[in-house]
Amino acid sequence: SLDHAHALVTLAHAAGAKLVALGDIEQTQPPRRGAPARALMATVGSVVLDEIIRQQVAWQAQATQKMEQQH
């Protein structure tokens, strides 16, 4: 829930820790109140990982880019 996300961010900040959360806001959200991932992004910001490094063969990287464009 959003309350749990807020508590996690608060604890990480108090401890001087760096909080890294992974998720996809395009996925279907669970049937609960709020959208914690979206709220965290709106509150503390986010970084988009868009550089393809896993596919070393050119056609594989191009296929990955095309799939993302269709999304």
PDB file of N, CA and C in Angstrom:
ATOM      1  N   SER A   1       0.841  -1.180   0.000  1.00  0.00           N
ATOM      2  CA  SER A   1       0.000   0.000   0.000  1.00  0.00           C
ATOM      3  C   SER A   1       0.885   1.243   0.000  1.00  0.00           C
ATOM      4  N   LEU A   2       0.258   2.364  -0.220  1.00  0.00           N
ATOM      5  CA  LEU A   2       0.982   3.635  -0.221  1.00  0.00           C
ATOM      6  C   LEU A   2       1.586   3.917   1.154  1.00  0.00           C
ATOM      7  N   ASP A   3       0.888   3.523   2.212  1.00  0.00           N
ATOM      8  CA  ASP A   3       1.415   3.720   3.573  1.00  0.00           C
ATOM      9  C   ASP A   3       2.705   2.931   3.771  1.00  0.00           C
ATOM     10  N   HIS A   4       2.753   1.705   3.256  1.00  0.00           N
ATOM     11  CA  HIS A   4       3.955   0.884   3.372  1.00  0.00           C
ATOM     12  C   HIS A   4       5.102   1.500   2.572  1.00  0.00           C
ATOM     13  N   ALA A   5       4.789   1.999   1.387  1.00  0.00           N
ATOM     14  CA  ALA A   5       5.818   2.627   0.556  1.00  0.00           C
ATOM     15  C   ALA A   5       6.381   3.856   1.255  1.00  0.00           C
ATOM     16  N   HIS A   6       5.510   4.658   1.852  1.00  0.00           N
ATOM     17  CA  HIS A   6       5.950   5.851   2.565  1.00  0.00           C
ATOM     18  C   HIS A   6       6.843   5.467   3.740  1.00  0.00           C
ATOM     19  N   ALA A   7       6.458   4.445   4.489  1.00  0.00           N
ATOM     20  CA  ALA A   7       7.258   3.997   5.627  1.00  0.00           C
ATOM     21  C   ALA A   7       8.628   3.516   5.168  1.00  0.00           C
ATOM     22  N   LEU A   8       8.675   2.806   4.059  1.00  0.00           N
ATOM     23  CA  LEU A   8       9.947   2.316   3.528  1.00  0.00           C
ATOM     24  C   LEU A   8      10.862   3.463   3.140  1.00  0.00           C
ATOM     25  N   VAL A   9      10.329   4.454   2.449  1.00  0.00           N
ATOM     26  CA  VAL A   9      11.123   5.616   2.047  1.00  0.00           C
ATOM     27  C   VAL A   9      11.612   6.372   3.285  1.00  0.00           C
ATOM     28  N   THR A  10      10.752   6.530   4.269  1.00  0.00           N
ATOM     29  CA  THR A  10      11.113   7.231   5.498  1.00  0.00           C
ATOM     30  C   THR A  10      12.248   6.509   6.232  1.00  0.00           C
ATOM     31  N   LEU A  11      12.138   5.195   6.352  1.00  0.00           N
ATOM     32  CA  LEU A  11      13.186   4.417   7.030  1.00  0.00           C
ATOM     33  C   LEU A  11      14.512   4.472   6.272  1.00  0.00           C
ATOM     34  N   ALA A  12      14.453   4.359   4.963  1.00  0.00           N
ATOM     35  CA  ALA A  12      15.674   4.415   4.157  1.00  0.00           C
ATOM     36  C   ALA A  12      16.341   5.779   4.306  1.00  0.00           C
ATOM     37  N   HIS A  13      15.551   6.832   4.260  1.00  0.00           N
ATOM     38  CA  HIS A  13      16.094   8.185   4.413  1.00  0.00           C
ATOM     39  C   HIS A  13      16.733   8.375   5.789  1.00  0.00           C
ATOM     40  N   ALA A  14      16.046   7.924   6.828  1.00  0.00           N
ATOM     41  CA  ALA A  14      16.558   8.072   8.194  1.00  0.00           C
ATOM     42  C   ALA A  14      17.869   7.303   8.388  1.00  0.00           C
ATOM     43  N   ALA A  15      18.015   6.193   7.693  1.00  0.00           N
ATOM     44  CA  ALA A  15      19.219   5.377   7.818  1.00  0.00           C
ATOM     45  C   ALA A  15      20.340   5.856   6.902  1.00  0.00           C
ATOM     46  N   GLY A  16      20.048   6.832   6.055  1.00  0.00           N
ATOM     47  CA  GLY A  16      21.037   7.307   5.096  1.00  0.00           C
ATOM     48  C   GLY A  16      21.271   6.321   3.967  1.00  0.00           C
ATOM     49  N   ALA A  17      20.304   5.451   3.755  1.00  0.00           N
ATOM     50  CA  ALA A  17      20.425   4.414   2.734  1.00  0.00           C
ATOM     51  C   ALA A  17      19.912   4.906   1.386  1.00  0.00           C
ATOM     52  N   LYS A  18      20.360   4.256   0.349  1.00  0.00           N
ATOM     53  CA  LYS A  18      19.871   4.536  -0.998  1.00  0.00           C
ATOM     54  C   LYS A  18      18.812   3.495  -1.314  1.00  0.00           C
ATOM     55  N   LEU A  19      17.643   3.937  -1.708  1.00  0.00           N
ATOM     56  CA  LEU A  19      16.536   3.043  -2.013  1.00  0.00           C
ATOM     57  C   LEU A  19      16.417   2.886  -3.519  1.00  0.00           C
ATOM     58  N   VAL A  20      16.470   1.665  -3.990  1.00  0.00           N
ATOM     59  CA  VAL A  20      16.312   1.373  -5.410  1.00  0.00           C
ATOM     60  C   VAL A  20      15.088   0.480  -5.550  1.00  0.00           C
ATOM     61  N   ALA A  21      14.092   0.934  -6.276  1.00  0.00           N
ATOM     62  CA  ALA A  21      12.875   0.165  -6.498  1.00  0.00           C
ATOM     63  C   ALA A  21      12.719  -0.085  -7.993  1.00  0.00           C
ATOM     64  N   LEU A  22      12.353  -1.283  -8.340  1.00  0.00           N
ATOM     65  CA  LEU A  22      12.154  -1.640  -9.738  1.00  0.00           C
ATOM     66  C   LEU A  22      10.691  -1.947  -9.962  1.00  0.00           C
ATOM     67  N   GLY A  23      10.202  -1.570 -11.114  1.00  0.00           N
ATOM     68  CA  GLY A  23       8.821  -1.879 -11.414  1.00  0.00           C
ATOM     69  C   GLY A  23       8.434  -1.368 -12.778  1.00  0.00           C
ATOM     70  N   ASP A  24       7.271  -1.755 -13.196  1.00  0.00           N
ATOM     71  CA  ASP A  24       6.734  -1.349 -14.491  1.00  0.00           C
ATOM     72  C   ASP A  24       5.334  -0.811 -14.264  1.00  0.00           C
ATOM     73  N   ILE A  25       5.183   0.503 -14.359  1.00  0.00           N
ATOM     74  CA  ILE A  25       3.867   1.110 -14.091  1.00  0.00           C
ATOM     75  C   ILE A  25       2.865   0.800 -15.189  1.00  0.00           C
ATOM     76  N   GLU A  26       3.320   0.197 -16.290  1.00  0.00           N
ATOM     77  CA  GLU A  26       2.420  -0.181 -17.373  1.00  0.00           C
ATOM     78  C   GLU A  26       1.705  -1.500 -17.082  1.00  0.00           C
ATOM     79  N   GLN A  27       2.203  -2.268 -16.111  1.00  0.00           N
ATOM     80  CA  GLN A  27       1.574  -3.542 -15.785  1.00  0.00           C
ATOM     81  C   GLN A  27       0.258  -3.303 -15.070  1.00  0.00           C
ATOM     82  N   THR A  28      -0.599  -4.303 -15.111  1.00  0.00           N
ATOM     83  CA  THR A  28      -1.871  -4.228 -14.406  1.00  0.00           C
ATOM     84  C   THR A  28      -1.595  -4.111 -12.914  1.00  0.00           C
ATOM     85  N   GLN A  29      -2.238  -3.150 -12.299  1.00  0.00           N
ATOM     86  CA  GLN A  29      -2.029  -2.914 -10.880  1.00  0.00           C
ATOM     87  C   GLN A  29      -2.789  -3.951 -10.051  1.00  0.00           C
ATOM     88  N   PRO A  30      -2.277  -4.294  -8.878  1.00  0.00           N
ATOM     89  CA  PRO A  30      -2.987  -5.226  -8.005  1.00  0.00           C
ATOM     90  C   PRO A  30      -4.284  -4.587  -7.510  1.00  0.00           C
ATOM     91  N   PRO A  31      -5.268  -5.409  -7.175  1.00  0.00           N
ATOM     92  CA  PRO A  31      -6.568  -4.875  -6.747  1.00  0.00           C
ATOM     93  C   PRO A  31      -6.539  -4.368  -5.307  1.00  0.00           C
ATOM     94  N   ARG A  32      -5.734  -3.368  -5.054  1.00  0.00           N
ATOM     95  CA  ARG A  32      -5.647  -2.734  -3.742  1.00  0.00           C
ATOM     96  C   ARG A  32      -5.721  -1.238  -3.941  1.00  0.00           C
ATOM     97  N   ARG A  33      -5.838  -0.516  -2.837  1.00  0.00           N
ATOM     98  CA  ARG A  33      -5.946   0.937  -2.964  1.00  0.00           C
ATOM     99  C   ARG A  33      -4.598   1.535  -3.336  1.00  0.00           C
ATOM    100  N   GLY A  34      -4.643   2.553  -4.154  1.00  0.00           N
ATOM    101  CA  GLY A  34      -3.436   3.287  -4.508  1.00  0.00           C
ATOM    102  C   GLY A  34      -2.556   2.589  -5.518  1.00  0.00           C
ATOM    103  N   ALA A  35      -1.533   3.279  -5.924  1.00  0.00           N
ATOM    104  CA  ALA A  35      -0.535   2.748  -6.850  1.00  0.00           C
ATOM    105  C   ALA A  35       0.832   3.150  -6.304  1.00  0.00           C
ATOM    106  N   PRO A  36       1.403   2.348  -5.403  1.00  0.00           N
ATOM    107  CA  PRO A  36       2.640   2.738  -4.730  1.00  0.00           C
ATOM    108  C   PRO A  36       3.795   3.086  -5.669  1.00  0.00           C
ATOM    109  N   ALA A  37       3.986   2.327  -6.731  1.00  0.00           N
ATOM    110  CA  ALA A  37       5.107   2.616  -7.632  1.00  0.00           C
ATOM    111  C   ALA A  37       4.950   3.989  -8.267  1.00  0.00           C
ATOM    112  N   ARG A  38       3.759   4.298  -8.736  1.00  0.00           N
ATOM    113  CA  ARG A  38       3.513   5.598  -9.356  1.00  0.00           C
ATOM    114  C   ARG A  38       3.673   6.720  -8.332  1.00  0.00           C
ATOM    115  N   ALA A  39       3.207   6.499  -7.113  1.00  0.00           N
ATOM    116  CA  ALA A  39       3.325   7.516  -6.066  1.00  0.00           C
ATOM    117  C   ALA A  39       4.789   7.755  -5.705  1.00  0.00           C
ATOM    118  N   LEU A  40       5.577   6.681  -5.609  1.00  0.00           N
ATOM    119  CA  LEU A  40       7.004   6.845  -5.319  1.00  0.00           C
ATOM    120  C   LEU A  40       7.685   7.643  -6.422  1.00  0.00           C
ATOM    121  N   MET A  41       7.360   7.328  -7.668  1.00  0.00           N
ATOM    122  CA  MET A  41       7.962   8.054  -8.789  1.00  0.00           C
ATOM    123  C   MET A  41       7.593   9.529  -8.742  1.00  0.00           C
ATOM    124  N   ALA A  42       6.355   9.821  -8.416  1.00  0.00           N
ATOM    125  CA  ALA A  42       5.915  11.212  -8.364  1.00  0.00           C
ATOM    126  C   ALA A  42       6.571  11.963  -7.210  1.00  0.00           C
ATOM    127  N   THR A  43       6.851  11.253  -6.126  1.00  0.00           N
ATOM    128  CA  THR A  43       7.404  11.886  -4.936  1.00  0.00           C
ATOM    129  C   THR A  43       8.913  12.058  -5.002  1.00  0.00           C
ATOM    130  N   VAL A  44       9.625  10.996  -5.351  1.00  0.00           N
ATOM    131  CA  VAL A  44      11.082  11.045  -5.292  1.00  0.00           C
ATOM    132  C   VAL A  44      11.759  11.021  -6.654  1.00  0.00           C
ATOM    133  N   GLY A  45      10.993  10.846  -7.714  1.00  0.00           N
ATOM    134  CA  GLY A  45      11.569  10.827  -9.051  1.00  0.00           C
ATOM    135  C   GLY A  45      11.914   9.428  -9.509  1.00  0.00           C
ATOM    136  N   SER A  46      12.384   9.344 -10.738  1.00  0.00           N
ATOM    137  CA  SER A  46      12.713   8.039 -11.302  1.00  0.00           C
ATOM    138  C   SER A  46      13.752   8.186 -12.401  1.00  0.00           C
ATOM    139  N   VAL A  47      14.322   7.070 -12.775  1.00  0.00           N
ATOM    140  CA  VAL A  47      15.284   7.003 -13.869  1.00  0.00           C
ATOM    141  C   VAL A  47      14.804   5.918 -14.818  1.00  0.00           C
ATOM    142  N   VAL A  48      14.840   6.184 -16.091  1.00  0.00           N
ATOM    143  CA  VAL A  48      14.432   5.203 -17.089  1.00  0.00           C
ATOM    144  C   VAL A  48      15.686   4.560 -17.673  1.00  0.00           C
ATOM    145  N   LEU A  49      15.723   3.236 -17.619  1.00  0.00           N
ATOM    146  CA  LEU A  49      16.835   2.509 -18.214  1.00  0.00           C
ATOM    147  C   LEU A  49      16.473   2.202 -19.654  1.00  0.00           C
ATOM    148  N   ASP A  50      17.133   2.877 -20.597  1.00  0.00           N
ATOM    149  CA  ASP A  50      16.762   2.696 -21.992  1.00  0.00           C
ATOM    150  C   ASP A  50      17.921   2.278 -22.884  1.00  0.00           C
ATOM    151  N   GLU A  51      19.094   2.052 -22.310  1.00  0.00           N
ATOM    152  CA  GLU A  51      20.230   1.596 -23.099  1.00  0.00           C
ATOM    153  C   GLU A  51      20.238   0.074 -23.132  1.00  0.00           C
ATOM    154  N   ILE A  52      20.287  -0.472 -24.334  1.00  0.00           N
ATOM    155  CA  ILE A  52      20.289  -1.926 -24.492  1.00  0.00           C
ATOM    156  C   ILE A  52      21.724  -2.419 -24.371  1.00  0.00           C
ATOM    157  N   ILE A  53      21.974  -3.243 -23.347  1.00  0.00           N
ATOM    158  CA  ILE A  53      23.329  -3.766 -23.172  1.00  0.00           C
ATOM    159  C   ILE A  53      23.365  -5.289 -23.194  1.00  0.00           C
ATOM    160  N   ARG A  54      22.230  -5.915 -22.996  1.00  0.00           N
ATOM    161  CA  ARG A  54      22.228  -7.378 -22.928  1.00  0.00           C
ATOM    162  C   ARG A  54      22.331  -8.016 -24.314  1.00  0.00           C
ATOM    163  N   GLN A  55      21.638  -7.484 -25.286  1.00  0.00           N
ATOM    164  CA  GLN A  55      21.678  -8.031 -26.639  1.00  0.00           C
ATOM    165  C   GLN A  55      22.904  -7.487 -27.351  1.00  0.00           C
ATOM    166  N   GLN A  56      23.901  -8.332 -27.528  1.00  0.00           N
ATOM    167  CA  GLN A  56      25.146  -7.925 -28.149  1.00  0.00           C
ATOM    168  C   GLN A  56      25.088  -7.981 -29.675  1.00  0.00           C
ATOM    169  N   VAL A  57      24.215  -8.795 -30.219  1.00  0.00           N
ATOM    170  CA  VAL A  57      24.073  -8.920 -31.667  1.00  0.00           C
ATOM    171  C   VAL A  57      23.136  -7.813 -32.146  1.00  0.00           C
ATOM    172  N   ALA A  58      23.517  -7.126 -33.211  1.00  0.00           N
ATOM    173  CA  ALA A  58      22.786  -5.937 -33.665  1.00  0.00           C
ATOM    174  C   ALA A  58      21.299  -6.213 -33.914  1.00  0.00           C
ATOM    175  N   TRP A  59      20.977  -7.321 -34.580  1.00  0.00           N
ATOM    176  CA  TRP A  59      19.565  -7.575 -34.903  1.00  0.00           C
ATOM    177  C   TRP A  59      18.741  -7.814 -33.637  1.00  0.00           C
ATOM    178  N   GLN A  60      19.364  -8.361 -32.592  1.00  0.00           N
ATOM    179  CA  GLN A  60      18.646  -8.583 -31.337  1.00  0.00           C
ATOM    180  C   GLN A  60      18.339  -7.252 -30.644  1.00  0.00           C
ATOM    181  N   ALA A  61      19.290  -6.347 -30.655  1.00  0.00           N
ATOM    182  CA  ALA A  61      19.064  -5.022 -30.068  1.00  0.00           C
ATOM    183  C   ALA A  61      17.987  -4.270 -30.845  1.00  0.00           C
ATOM    184  N   GLN A  62      18.015  -4.386 -32.184  1.00  0.00           N
ATOM    185  CA  GLN A  62      16.998  -3.726 -33.009  1.00  0.00           C
ATOM    186  C   GLN A  62      15.622  -4.307 -32.738  1.00  0.00           C
ATOM    187  N   ALA A  63      15.533  -5.622 -32.562  1.00  0.00           N
ATOM    188  CA  ALA A  63      14.245  -6.260 -32.264  1.00  0.00           C
ATOM    189  C   ALA A  63      13.709  -5.770 -30.918  1.00  0.00           C
ATOM    190  N   THR A  64      14.585  -5.630 -29.947  1.00  0.00           N
ATOM    191  CA  THR A  64      14.177  -5.128 -28.634  1.00  0.00           C
ATOM    192  C   THR A  64      13.638  -3.707 -28.751  1.00  0.00           C
ATOM    193  N   GLN A  65      14.319  -2.864 -29.528  1.00  0.00           N
ATOM    194  CA  GLN A  65      13.858  -1.491 -29.725  1.00  0.00           C
ATOM    195  C   GLN A  65      12.493  -1.463 -30.413  1.00  0.00           C
ATOM    196  N   LYS A  66      12.295  -2.321 -31.399  1.00  0.00           N
ATOM    197  CA  LYS A  66      11.001  -2.360 -32.108  1.00  0.00           C
ATOM    198  C   LYS A  66       9.877  -2.818 -31.188  1.00  0.00           C
ATOM    199  N   MET A  67      10.161  -3.785 -30.322  1.00  0.00           N
ATOM    200  CA  MET A  67       9.129  -4.238 -29.373  1.00  0.00           C
ATOM    201  C   MET A  67       8.752  -3.114 -28.421  1.00  0.00           C
ATOM    202  N   GLU A  68       9.728  -2.342 -27.993  1.00  0.00           N
ATOM    203  CA  GLU A  68       9.441  -1.209 -27.098  1.00  0.00           C
ATOM    204  C   GLU A  68       8.590  -0.146 -27.799  1.00  0.00           C
ATOM    205  N   GLN A  69       8.869   0.095 -29.069  1.00  0.00           N
ATOM    206  CA  GLN A  69       8.114   1.096 -29.826  1.00  0.00           C
ATOM    207  C   GLN A  69       6.667   0.675 -30.002  1.00  0.00           C
ATOM    208  N   GLN A  70       6.412  -0.619 -30.090  1.00  0.00           N
ATOM    209  CA  GLN A  70       5.040  -1.113 -30.256  1.00  0.00           C
ATOM    210  C   GLN A  70       4.267  -1.058 -28.949  1.00  0.00           C
ATOM    211  N   HIS A  71       4.979  -0.983 -27.856  1.00  0.00           N
ATOM    212  CA  HIS A  71       4.349  -0.964 -26.535  1.00  0.00           C
ATOM    213  C   HIS A  71       3.696   0.335 -26.344  1.00  0.00           C
TER     214      HIS A  71
END
